[in-house]
Amino acid sequence: MEQQSNDMLIRQYLMKISEENGDPVVLKNMIANWPAACWTPDNLQSVFGKEPLSFRIGNSCYSGMM
């Protein structure tokens, strides 16, 4: 019997739901442990200094020199 990983089964399930309903699948709370989830303009400045940088946090866009 062929075994499938949980990731593959979840992916297939989400694709099936999306195809049946014709709606996108929205995944929430998926990045809580992702290091970039806690980035702020201040800690980006501490990493990149005066390098030009463009980024977005939520609906706020930042561009230019930090």
Protein backbone atom coordinates (compact mmCIF):
# COMPACT_ATOMS: atom_id res chain seq x y z
CA MET A 1 0.00 0.00 0.00
CA GLU A 2 1.32 3.44 -0.94
CA GLN A 3 1.77 5.83 1.94
CA GLN A 4 1.27 9.58 1.62
CA SER A 5 2.61 12.22 3.94
CA ASN A 6 0.23 14.34 6.00
CA ASP A 7 1.34 17.36 3.94
CA MET A 8 0.27 15.65 0.71
CA LEU A 9 -3.09 14.61 2.16
CA ILE A 10 -3.76 18.12 3.46
CA ARG A 11 -2.79 19.62 0.09
CA GLN A 12 -5.12 17.24 -1.76
CA TYR A 13 -7.97 17.97 0.68
CA LEU A 14 -7.57 21.76 0.29
CA MET A 15 -7.43 21.47 -3.50
CA LYS A 16 -10.62 19.37 -3.48
CA ILE A 17 -12.46 21.92 -1.32
CA SER A 18 -11.30 24.80 -3.52
CA GLU A 19 -12.30 23.04 -6.74
CA GLU A 20 -15.74 21.99 -5.43
CA ASN A 21 -16.68 25.41 -4.06
CA GLY A 22 -14.81 27.55 -6.56
CA ASP A 23 -13.58 29.66 -3.65
CA PRO A 24 -10.02 30.20 -2.49
CA VAL A 25 -8.89 28.44 0.66
CA VAL A 26 -7.79 30.90 3.36
CA LEU A 27 -5.30 29.57 5.89
CA LYS A 28 -5.04 31.47 9.16
CA ASN A 29 -2.46 31.42 11.96
CA MET A 30 0.06 29.55 9.85
CA ILE A 31 3.16 31.64 10.54
CA ALA A 32 3.21 32.08 14.31
CA ASN A 33 6.63 30.40 14.57
CA TRP A 34 8.07 31.96 11.41
CA PRO A 35 11.00 34.25 12.38
CA ALA A 36 9.88 37.02 10.00
CA ALA A 37 6.52 37.24 11.77
CA CYS A 38 8.08 39.42 14.48
CA TRP A 39 10.15 41.73 12.24
CA THR A 40 9.67 45.44 12.83
CA PRO A 41 11.18 48.51 11.15
CA ASP A 42 13.52 48.87 14.16
CA ASN A 43 14.96 45.36 14.07
CA LEU A 44 15.25 45.47 10.26
CA GLN A 45 17.29 48.65 10.67
CA SER A 46 19.56 46.89 13.17
CA VAL A 47 20.24 44.18 10.56
CA PHE A 48 20.42 46.26 7.36
CA GLY A 49 21.64 49.61 8.69
CA LYS A 50 21.37 52.34 6.05
CA GLU A 51 20.77 49.99 3.09
CA PRO A 52 17.78 50.97 0.92
CA LEU A 53 14.89 48.67 1.69
CA SER A 54 11.22 48.28 0.71
CA PHE A 55 8.83 46.09 2.67
CA ARG A 56 5.26 45.80 3.88
CA ILE A 57 3.92 44.98 7.33
CA GLY A 58 0.20 44.29 7.11
CA ASN A 59 -1.26 47.10 5.03
CA SER A 60 1.60 49.52 5.78
CA CYS A 61 4.33 49.93 3.16
CA TYR A 62 7.82 51.19 3.88
CA SER A 63 10.43 52.22 1.34
CA GLY A 64 13.75 54.01 1.27
CA MET A 65 16.56 54.28 3.75
CA MET A 66 15.98 52.78 7.14
